[in-house]
All heavy atoms as atom14 arrays in JSON, in Angstrom:
{
  "sequence": "PVTTAPPAPADPEAQFRESLQRAGRAMEAGQFDSALAEMQR",
  "atom14_mask": [
    [1, 1, 1, 1, 1, 1, 1, 0, 0, 0, 0, 0, 0, 0],
    [1, 1, 1, 1, 1, 1, 1, 0, 0, 0, 0, 0, 0, 0],
    [1, 1, 1, 1, 1, 1, 1, 0, 0, 0, 0, 0, 0, 0],
    [1, 1, 1, 1, 1, 1, 1, 0, 0, 0, 0, 0, 0, 0],
    [1, 1, 1, 1, 1, 0, 0, 0, 0, 0, 0, 0, 0, 0],
    [1, 1, 1, 1, 1, 1, 1, 0, 0, 0, 0, 0, 0, 0],
    [1, 1, 1, 1, 1, 1, 1, 0, 0, 0, 0, 0, 0, 0],
    [1, 1, 1, 1, 1, 0, 0, 0, 0, 0, 0, 0, 0, 0],
    [1, 1, 1, 1, 1, 1, 1, 0, 0, 0, 0, 0, 0, 0],
    [1, 1, 1, 1, 1, 0, 0, 0, 0, 0, 0, 0, 0, 0],
    [1, 1, 1, 1, 1, 1, 1, 1, 0, 0, 0, 0, 0, 0],
    [1, 1, 1, 1, 1, 1, 1, 0, 0, 0, 0, 0, 0, 0],
    [1, 1, 1, 1, 1, 1, 1, 1, 1, 0, 0, 0, 0, 0],
    [1, 1, 1, 1, 1, 0, 0, 0, 0, 0, 0, 0, 0, 0],
    [1, 1, 1, 1, 1, 1, 1, 1, 1, 0, 0, 0, 0, 0],
    [1, 1, 1, 1, 1, 1, 1, 1, 1, 1, 1, 0, 0, 0],
    [1, 1, 1, 1, 1, 1, 1, 1, 1, 1, 1, 0, 0, 0],
    [1, 1, 1, 1, 1, 1, 1, 1, 1, 0, 0, 0, 0, 0],
    [1, 1, 1, 1, 1, 1, 0, 0, 0, 0, 0, 0, 0, 0],
    [1, 1, 1, 1, 1, 1, 1, 1, 0, 0, 0, 0, 0, 0],
    [1, 1, 1, 1, 1, 1, 1, 1, 1, 0, 0, 0, 0, 0],
    [1, 1, 1, 1, 1, 1, 1, 1, 1, 1, 1, 0, 0, 0],
    [1, 1, 1, 1, 1, 0, 0, 0, 0, 0, 0, 0, 0, 0],
    [1, 1, 1, 1, 0, 0, 0, 0, 0, 0, 0, 0, 0, 0],
    [1, 1, 1, 1, 1, 1, 1, 1, 1, 1, 1, 0, 0, 0],
    [1, 1, 1, 1, 1, 0, 0, 0, 0, 0, 0, 0, 0, 0],
    [1, 1, 1, 1, 1, 1, 1, 1, 0, 0, 0, 0, 0, 0],
    [1, 1, 1, 1, 1, 1, 1, 1, 1, 0, 0, 0, 0, 0],
    [1, 1, 1, 1, 1, 0, 0, 0, 0, 0, 0, 0, 0, 0],
    [1, 1, 1, 1, 0, 0, 0, 0, 0, 0, 0, 0, 0, 0],
    [1, 1, 1, 1, 1, 1, 1, 1, 1, 0, 0, 0, 0, 0],
    [1, 1, 1, 1, 1, 1, 1, 1, 1, 1, 1, 0, 0, 0],
    [1, 1, 1, 1, 1, 1, 1, 1, 0, 0, 0, 0, 0, 0],
    [1, 1, 1, 1, 1, 1, 0, 0, 0, 0, 0, 0, 0, 0],
    [1, 1, 1, 1, 1, 0, 0, 0, 0, 0, 0, 0, 0, 0],
    [1, 1, 1, 1, 1, 1, 1, 1, 0, 0, 0, 0, 0, 0],
    [1, 1, 1, 1, 1, 0, 0, 0, 0, 0, 0, 0, 0, 0],
    [1, 1, 1, 1, 1, 1, 1, 1, 1, 0, 0, 0, 0, 0],
    [1, 1, 1, 1, 1, 1, 1, 1, 0, 0, 0, 0, 0, 0],
    [1, 1, 1, 1, 1, 1, 1, 1, 1, 0, 0, 0, 0, 0],
    [1, 1, 1, 1, 1, 1, 1, 1, 1, 1, 1, 0, 0, 0]
  ],
  "atom14_positions": [
    [[23.68, 6.78, 8.07], [23.16, 6.57, 6.72], [23.03, 5.08, 6.43], [23.84, 4.27, 6.86], [24.22, 7.23, 5.83], [24.97, 8.17, 6.72], [24.93, 7.55, 8.09], [0.0, 0.0, 0.0], [0.0, 0.0, 0.0], [0.0, 0.0, 0.0], [0.0, 0.0, 0.0], [0.0, 0.0, 0.0], [0.0, 0.0, 0.0], [0.0, 0.0, 0.0]],
    [[21.99, 4.72, 5.7], [21.77, 3.34, 5.31], [22.06, 3.19, 3.83], [21.54, 3.96, 3.01], [20.32, 2.92, 5.6], [20.08, 1.49, 5.15], [20.01, 3.08, 7.07], [0.0, 0.0, 0.0], [0.0, 0.0, 0.0], [0.0, 0.0, 0.0], [0.0, 0.0, 0.0], [0.0, 0.0, 0.0], [0.0, 0.0, 0.0], [0.0, 0.0, 0.0]],
    [[22.9, 2.24, 3.49], [23.22, 2.0, 2.1], [22.01, 1.39, 1.41], [21.45, 0.41, 1.89], [24.41, 1.04, 1.98], [25.51, 1.63, 2.67], [24.78, 0.81, 0.51], [0.0, 0.0, 0.0], [0.0, 0.0, 0.0], [0.0, 0.0, 0.0], [0.0, 0.0, 0.0], [0.0, 0.0, 0.0], [0.0, 0.0, 0.0], [0.0, 0.0, 0.0]],
    [[21.61, 1.98, 0.3], [20.44, 1.51, -0.42], [20.85, 0.6, -1.56], [21.65, 0.98, -2.41], [19.64, 2.7, -0.98], [19.29, 3.56, 0.1], [18.38, 2.22, -1.68], [0.0, 0.0, 0.0], [0.0, 0.0, 0.0], [0.0, 0.0, 0.0], [0.0, 0.0, 0.0], [0.0, 0.0, 0.0], [0.0, 0.0, 0.0], [0.0, 0.0, 0.0]],
    [[20.31, -0.6, -1.57], [20.62, -1.55, -2.63], [19.83, -1.19, -3.87], [18.84, -0.46, -3.82], [20.26, -2.96, -2.16], [0.0, 0.0, 0.0], [0.0, 0.0, 0.0], [0.0, 0.0, 0.0], [0.0, 0.0, 0.0], [0.0, 0.0, 0.0], [0.0, 0.0, 0.0], [0.0, 0.0, 0.0], [0.0, 0.0, 0.0], [0.0, 0.0, 0.0]],
    [[20.23, -1.69, -5.04], [19.44, -1.45, -6.25], [18.03, -1.97, -6.07], [17.79, -2.92, -5.33], [20.2, -2.29, -7.32], [21.56, -2.46, -6.77], [21.43, -2.49, -5.29], [0.0, 0.0, 0.0], [0.0, 0.0, 0.0], [0.0, 0.0, 0.0], [0.0, 0.0, 0.0], [0.0, 0.0, 0.0], [0.0, 0.0, 0.0], [0.0, 0.0, 0.0]],
    [[17.05, -1.33, -6.7], [15.66, -1.76, -6.53], [15.49, -3.23, -6.89], [16.0, -3.71, -7.9], [14.89, -0.86, -7.51], [15.79, 0.31, -7.75], [17.18, -0.2, -7.62], [0.0, 0.0, 0.0], [0.0, 0.0, 0.0], [0.0, 0.0, 0.0], [0.0, 0.0, 0.0], [0.0, 0.0, 0.0], [0.0, 0.0, 0.0], [0.0, 0.0, 0.0]],
    [[14.79, -3.96, -6.03], [14.51, -5.38, -6.28], [13.28, -5.5, -7.16], [12.47, -4.58, -7.25], [14.29, -6.1, -4.95], [0.0, 0.0, 0.0], [0.0, 0.0, 0.0], [0.0, 0.0, 0.0], [0.0, 0.0, 0.0], [0.0, 0.0, 0.0], [0.0, 0.0, 0.0], [0.0, 0.0, 0.0], [0.0, 0.0, 0.0], [0.0, 0.0, 0.0]],
    [[13.12, -6.62, -7.83], [11.9, -6.82, -8.6], [10.67, -6.71, -7.7], [10.73, -6.99, -6.51], [12.06, -8.26, -9.13], [13.53, -8.53, -9.07], [14.05, -7.75, -7.91], [0.0, 0.0, 0.0], [0.0, 0.0, 0.0], [0.0, 0.0, 0.0], [0.0, 0.0, 0.0], [0.0, 0.0, 0.0], [0.0, 0.0, 0.0], [0.0, 0.0, 0.0]],
    [[9.58, -6.26, -8.27], [8.36, -6.07, -7.5], [7.94, -7.37, -6.83], [7.93, -8.42, -7.45], [7.25, -5.56, -8.41], [0.0, 0.0, 0.0], [0.0, 0.0, 0.0], [0.0, 0.0, 0.0], [0.0, 0.0, 0.0], [0.0, 0.0, 0.0], [0.0, 0.0, 0.0], [0.0, 0.0, 0.0], [0.0, 0.0, 0.0], [0.0, 0.0, 0.0]],
    [[7.63, -7.29, -5.54], [7.18, -8.44, -4.77], [5.67, -8.35, -4.62], [5.16, -7.43, -3.95], [7.87, -8.42, -3.4], [7.4, -9.55, -2.49], [6.53, -10.34, -2.9], [7.9, -9.62, -1.35], [0.0, 0.0, 0.0], [0.0, 0.0, 0.0], [0.0, 0.0, 0.0], [0.0, 0.0, 0.0], [0.0, 0.0, 0.0], [0.0, 0.0, 0.0]],
    [[4.91, -9.28, -5.21], [3.45, -9.18, -5.14], [2.92, -9.14, -3.71], [1.97, -8.42, -3.41], [2.98, -10.43, -5.88], [4.11, -10.78, -6.8], [5.35, -10.4, -6.06], [0.0, 0.0, 0.0], [0.0, 0.0, 0.0], [0.0, 0.0, 0.0], [0.0, 0.0, 0.0], [0.0, 0.0, 0.0], [0.0, 0.0, 0.0], [0.0, 0.0, 0.0]],
    [[3.54, -9.92, -2.82], [3.07, -9.92, -1.43], [3.32, -8.58, -0.77], [2.48, -8.07, -0.03], [3.76, -11.04, -0.64], [3.23, -12.43, -0.95], [1.76, -12.56, -0.6], [1.39, -12.29, 0.56], [0.97, -12.91, -1.49], [0.0, 0.0, 0.0], [0.0, 0.0, 0.0], [0.0, 0.0, 0.0], [0.0, 0.0, 0.0], [0.0, 0.0, 0.0]],
    [[4.49, -7.97, -1.04], [4.78, -6.66, -0.48], [3.82, -5.61, -1.04], [3.34, -4.74, -0.32], [6.22, -6.26, -0.78], [0.0, 0.0, 0.0], [0.0, 0.0, 0.0], [0.0, 0.0, 0.0], [0.0, 0.0, 0.0], [0.0, 0.0, 0.0], [0.0, 0.0, 0.0], [0.0, 0.0, 0.0], [0.0, 0.0, 0.0], [0.0, 0.0, 0.0]],
    [[3.53, -5.71, -2.33], [2.58, -4.77, -2.93], [1.2, -4.92, -2.29], [0.5, -3.93, -2.07], [2.51, -5.0, -4.44], [3.79, -4.59, -5.16], [3.72, -4.9, -6.65], [2.95, -5.75, -7.09], [4.54, -4.22, -7.43], [0.0, 0.0, 0.0], [0.0, 0.0, 0.0], [0.0, 0.0, 0.0], [0.0, 0.0, 0.0], [0.0, 0.0, 0.0]],
    [[0.82, -6.16, -2.02], [-0.47, -6.42, -1.37], [-0.52, -5.77, 0.01], [-1.48, -5.07, 0.37], [-0.69, -7.93, -1.28], [-1.92, -8.33, -0.52], [-3.18, -7.91, -0.92], [-1.83, -9.14, 0.61], [-4.32, -8.29, -0.22], [-2.96, -9.52, 1.31], [-4.2, -9.1, 0.89], [0.0, 0.0, 0.0], [0.0, 0.0, 0.0], [0.0, 0.0, 0.0]],
    [[0.53, -5.97, 0.8], [0.55, -5.41, 2.14], [0.54, -3.88, 2.1], [-0.11, -3.22, 2.91], [1.75, -5.94, 2.92], [1.62, -7.4, 3.31], [2.72, -7.84, 4.25], [4.01, -7.95, 3.6], [4.5, -9.08, 3.1], [3.79, -10.19, 3.18], [5.69, -9.1, 2.55], [0.0, 0.0, 0.0], [0.0, 0.0, 0.0], [0.0, 0.0, 0.0]],
    [[1.26, -3.3, 1.14], [1.27, -1.84, 1.03], [-0.1, -1.32, 0.62], [-0.54, -0.24, 1.07], [2.34, -1.42, 0.03], [3.76, -1.58, 0.58], [4.83, -1.33, -0.46], [4.49, -1.3, -1.67], [5.99, -1.14, -0.07], [0.0, 0.0, 0.0], [0.0, 0.0, 0.0], [0.0, 0.0, 0.0], [0.0, 0.0, 0.0], [0.0, 0.0, 0.0]],
    [[-0.79, -2.05, -0.23], [-2.13, -1.65, -0.64], [-3.08, -1.66, 0.57], [-3.89, -0.74, 0.74], [-2.65, -2.61, -1.72], [-3.94, -2.23, -2.16], [0.0, 0.0, 0.0], [0.0, 0.0, 0.0], [0.0, 0.0, 0.0], [0.0, 0.0, 0.0], [0.0, 0.0, 0.0], [0.0, 0.0, 0.0], [0.0, 0.0, 0.0], [0.0, 0.0, 0.0]],
    [[-2.96, -2.68, 1.42], [-3.78, -2.72, 2.63], [-3.44, -1.56, 3.55], [-4.33, -0.97, 4.18], [-3.55, -4.05, 3.35], [-4.09, -5.29, 2.64], [-3.64, -6.54, 3.38], [-5.6, -5.25, 2.55], [0.0, 0.0, 0.0], [0.0, 0.0, 0.0], [0.0, 0.0, 0.0], [0.0, 0.0, 0.0], [0.0, 0.0, 0.0], [0.0, 0.0, 0.0]],
    [[-2.17, -1.23, 3.62], [-1.76, -0.13, 4.48], [-2.38, 1.19, 3.98], [-2.87, 2.0, 4.78], [-0.23, -0.04, 4.48], [0.36, 0.74, 5.64], [1.87, 0.66, 5.63], [2.51, 0.86, 4.6], [2.46, 0.36, 6.77], [0.0, 0.0, 0.0], [0.0, 0.0, 0.0], [0.0, 0.0, 0.0], [0.0, 0.0, 0.0], [0.0, 0.0, 0.0]],
    [[-2.38, 1.39, 2.67], [-3.0, 2.6, 2.11], [-4.5, 2.63, 2.42], [-5.06, 3.67, 2.78], [-2.78, 2.66, 0.6], [-1.38, 3.02, 0.18], [-1.32, 3.36, -1.3], [-1.72, 2.25, -2.16], [-0.88, 1.32, -2.61], [0.39, 1.36, -2.25], [-1.31, 0.35, -3.39], [0.0, 0.0, 0.0], [0.0, 0.0, 0.0], [0.0, 0.0, 0.0]],
    [[-5.15, 1.48, 2.26], [-6.58, 1.41, 2.54], [-6.86, 1.71, 4.01], [-7.83, 2.41, 4.35], [-7.13, 0.04, 2.16], [0.0, 0.0, 0.0], [0.0, 0.0, 0.0], [0.0, 0.0, 0.0], [0.0, 0.0, 0.0], [0.0, 0.0, 0.0], [0.0, 0.0, 0.0], [0.0, 0.0, 0.0], [0.0, 0.0, 0.0], [0.0, 0.0, 0.0]],
    [[-6.01, 1.2, 4.9], [-6.19, 1.46, 6.32], [-6.08, 2.93, 6.65], [-6.9, 3.47, 7.41], [0.0, 0.0, 0.0], [0.0, 0.0, 0.0], [0.0, 0.0, 0.0], [0.0, 0.0, 0.0], [0.0, 0.0, 0.0], [0.0, 0.0, 0.0], [0.0, 0.0, 0.0], [0.0, 0.0, 0.0], [0.0, 0.0, 0.0], [0.0, 0.0, 0.0]],
    [[-5.09, 3.59, 6.08], [-4.94, 5.03, 6.34], [-6.14, 5.81, 5.79], [-6.61, 6.76, 6.4], [-3.63, 5.54, 5.74], [-2.4, 5.11, 6.54], [-1.19, 5.93, 6.15], [-0.75, 5.65, 4.8], [0.18, 4.75, 4.48], [0.76, 4.05, 5.43], [0.55, 4.58, 3.22], [0.0, 0.0, 0.0], [0.0, 0.0, 0.0], [0.0, 0.0, 0.0]],
    [[-6.61, 5.39, 4.61], [-7.76, 6.08, 4.02], [-8.99, 5.93, 4.9], [-9.74, 6.89, 5.12], [-8.03, 5.53, 2.62], [0.0, 0.0, 0.0], [0.0, 0.0, 0.0], [0.0, 0.0, 0.0], [0.0, 0.0, 0.0], [0.0, 0.0, 0.0], [0.0, 0.0, 0.0], [0.0, 0.0, 0.0], [0.0, 0.0, 0.0], [0.0, 0.0, 0.0]],
    [[-9.23, 4.74, 5.45], [-10.4, 4.53, 6.3], [-10.28, 5.3, 7.6], [-11.26, 5.85, 8.11], [-10.61, 3.04, 6.52], [-11.04, 2.31, 5.25], [-11.2, 0.52, 5.44], [-12.82, 0.4, 6.17], [0.0, 0.0, 0.0], [0.0, 0.0, 0.0], [0.0, 0.0, 0.0], [0.0, 0.0, 0.0], [0.0, 0.0, 0.0], [0.0, 0.0, 0.0]],
    [[-9.08, 5.35, 8.16], [-8.88, 6.15, 9.37], [-9.21, 7.61, 9.11], [-9.72, 8.31, 9.98], [-7.43, 6.02, 9.84], [-7.15, 4.81, 10.69], [-7.72, 4.98, 12.09], [-7.2, 5.79, 12.86], [-8.7, 4.29, 12.39], [0.0, 0.0, 0.0], [0.0, 0.0, 0.0], [0.0, 0.0, 0.0], [0.0, 0.0, 0.0], [0.0, 0.0, 0.0]],
    [[-8.89, 8.09, 7.9], [-9.12, 9.49, 7.56], [-10.53, 9.76, 7.05], [-10.85, 10.9, 6.69], [-8.1, 9.92, 6.49], [0.0, 0.0, 0.0], [0.0, 0.0, 0.0], [0.0, 0.0, 0.0], [0.0, 0.0, 0.0], [0.0, 0.0, 0.0], [0.0, 0.0, 0.0], [0.0, 0.0, 0.0], [0.0, 0.0, 0.0], [0.0, 0.0, 0.0]],
    [[-11.36, 8.72, 7.02], [-12.72, 8.9, 6.53], [-12.83, 8.96, 5.02], [-13.87, 9.36, 4.49], [0.0, 0.0, 0.0], [0.0, 0.0, 0.0], [0.0, 0.0, 0.0], [0.0, 0.0, 0.0], [0.0, 0.0, 0.0], [0.0, 0.0, 0.0], [0.0, 0.0, 0.0], [0.0, 0.0, 0.0], [0.0, 0.0, 0.0], [0.0, 0.0, 0.0]],
    [[-11.78, 8.55, 4.32], [-11.77, 8.59, 2.85], [-12.24, 7.22, 2.33], [-11.48, 6.42, 1.8], [-10.38, 8.93, 2.34], [-9.91, 10.31, 2.79], [-8.42, 10.53, 2.57], [-7.69, 9.63, 2.12], [-7.96, 11.72, 2.88], [0.0, 0.0, 0.0], [0.0, 0.0, 0.0], [0.0, 0.0, 0.0], [0.0, 0.0, 0.0], [0.0, 0.0, 0.0]],
    [[-13.53, 6.97, 2.48], [-14.06, 5.64, 2.21], [-14.09, 5.3, 0.73], [-13.96, 4.14, 0.36], [-15.45, 5.51, 2.85], [-15.42, 5.66, 4.34], [-15.92, 6.8, 4.94], [-14.86, 4.68, 5.14], [-15.87, 6.95, 6.33], [-14.82, 4.8, 6.52], [-15.32, 5.95, 7.11], [0.0, 0.0, 0.0], [0.0, 0.0, 0.0], [0.0, 0.0, 0.0]],
    [[-14.28, 6.3, -0.13], [-14.22, 6.04, -1.58], [-12.86, 5.49, -1.96], [-12.76, 4.51, -2.71], [-14.49, 7.33, -2.37], [-15.97, 7.69, -2.4], [-16.8, 6.77, -2.47], [-16.29, 8.9, -2.36], [0.0, 0.0, 0.0], [0.0, 0.0, 0.0], [0.0, 0.0, 0.0], [0.0, 0.0, 0.0], [0.0, 0.0, 0.0], [0.0, 0.0, 0.0]],
    [[-11.82, 6.12, -1.44], [-10.46, 5.69, -1.76], [-10.19, 4.29, -1.21], [-9.61, 3.44, -1.89], [-9.46, 6.69, -1.18], [-8.13, 6.25, -1.38], [0.0, 0.0, 0.0], [0.0, 0.0, 0.0], [0.0, 0.0, 0.0], [0.0, 0.0, 0.0], [0.0, 0.0, 0.0], [0.0, 0.0, 0.0], [0.0, 0.0, 0.0], [0.0, 0.0, 0.0]],
    [[-10.64, 4.04, 0.03], [-10.42, 2.73, 0.64], [-11.16, 1.64, -0.14], [-10.61, 0.55, -0.38], [-10.88, 2.74, 2.09], [0.0, 0.0, 0.0], [0.0, 0.0, 0.0], [0.0, 0.0, 0.0], [0.0, 0.0, 0.0], [0.0, 0.0, 0.0], [0.0, 0.0, 0.0], [0.0, 0.0, 0.0], [0.0, 0.0, 0.0], [0.0, 0.0, 0.0]],
    [[-12.39, 1.93, -0.54], [-13.16, 0.93, -1.28], [-12.52, 0.66, -2.64], [-12.47, -0.5, -3.08], [-14.6, 1.41, -1.46], [-15.53, 0.43, -2.19], [-15.59, -0.92, -1.48], [-16.92, 1.02, -2.32], [0.0, 0.0, 0.0], [0.0, 0.0, 0.0], [0.0, 0.0, 0.0], [0.0, 0.0, 0.0], [0.0, 0.0, 0.0], [0.0, 0.0, 0.0]],
    [[-12.03, 1.7, -3.29], [-11.36, 1.49, -4.58], [-10.13, 0.6, -4.41], [-9.85, -0.26, -5.26], [-10.96, 2.84, -5.17], [0.0, 0.0, 0.0], [0.0, 0.0, 0.0], [0.0, 0.0, 0.0], [0.0, 0.0, 0.0], [0.0, 0.0, 0.0], [0.0, 0.0, 0.0], [0.0, 0.0, 0.0], [0.0, 0.0, 0.0], [0.0, 0.0, 0.0]],
    [[-9.41, 0.78, -3.31], [-8.23, -0.05, -3.05], [-8.64, -1.5, -2.84], [-8.02, -2.44, -3.37], [-7.5, 0.48, -1.82], [-6.07, 0.03, -1.68], [-5.13, 0.76, -2.62], [-5.04, 2.0, -2.57], [-4.45, 0.05, -3.41], [0.0, 0.0, 0.0], [0.0, 0.0, 0.0], [0.0, 0.0, 0.0], [0.0, 0.0, 0.0], [0.0, 0.0, 0.0]],
    [[-9.7, -1.72, -2.08], [-10.18, -3.07, -1.84], [-10.71, -3.71, -3.12], [-10.51, -4.9, -3.37], [-11.27, -3.08, -0.77], [-10.77, -2.74, 0.62], [-9.55, -3.94, 1.21], [-9.19, -3.27, 2.82], [0.0, 0.0, 0.0], [0.0, 0.0, 0.0], [0.0, 0.0, 0.0], [0.0, 0.0, 0.0], [0.0, 0.0, 0.0], [0.0, 0.0, 0.0]],
    [[-11.38, -2.91, -3.95], [-11.89, -3.44, -5.21], [-10.75, -3.87, -6.11], [-10.81, -4.92, -6.77], [-12.73, -2.38, -5.91], [-13.42, -2.87, -7.18], [-14.55, -3.83, -6.91], [-15.53, -3.48, -6.24], [-14.44, -5.06, -7.41], [0.0, 0.0, 0.0], [0.0, 0.0, 0.0], [0.0, 0.0, 0.0], [0.0, 0.0, 0.0], [0.0, 0.0, 0.0]],
    [[-9.65, -3.08, -6.12], [-8.47, -3.46, -6.92], [-7.87, -4.77, -6.42], [-7.47, -5.62, -7.2], [-7.43, -2.34, -6.88], [-7.71, -1.18, -7.82], [-6.51, -0.29, -7.99], [-6.19, 0.44, -6.78], [-6.71, 1.61, -6.45], [-7.6, 2.2, -7.25], [-6.36, 2.22, -5.34], [0.0, 0.0, 0.0], [0.0, 0.0, 0.0], [0.0, 0.0, 0.0]]
  ]
}
């Protein structure tokens, strides 16, 4: 088991990387509307 620390304040760089990760999965799945919306955001 891994001890979970209290949630840290939102990290903009981490949020950016996670957004790219979501867009990548969407493009791999052929969900181009979703990927484009992520890039537009």
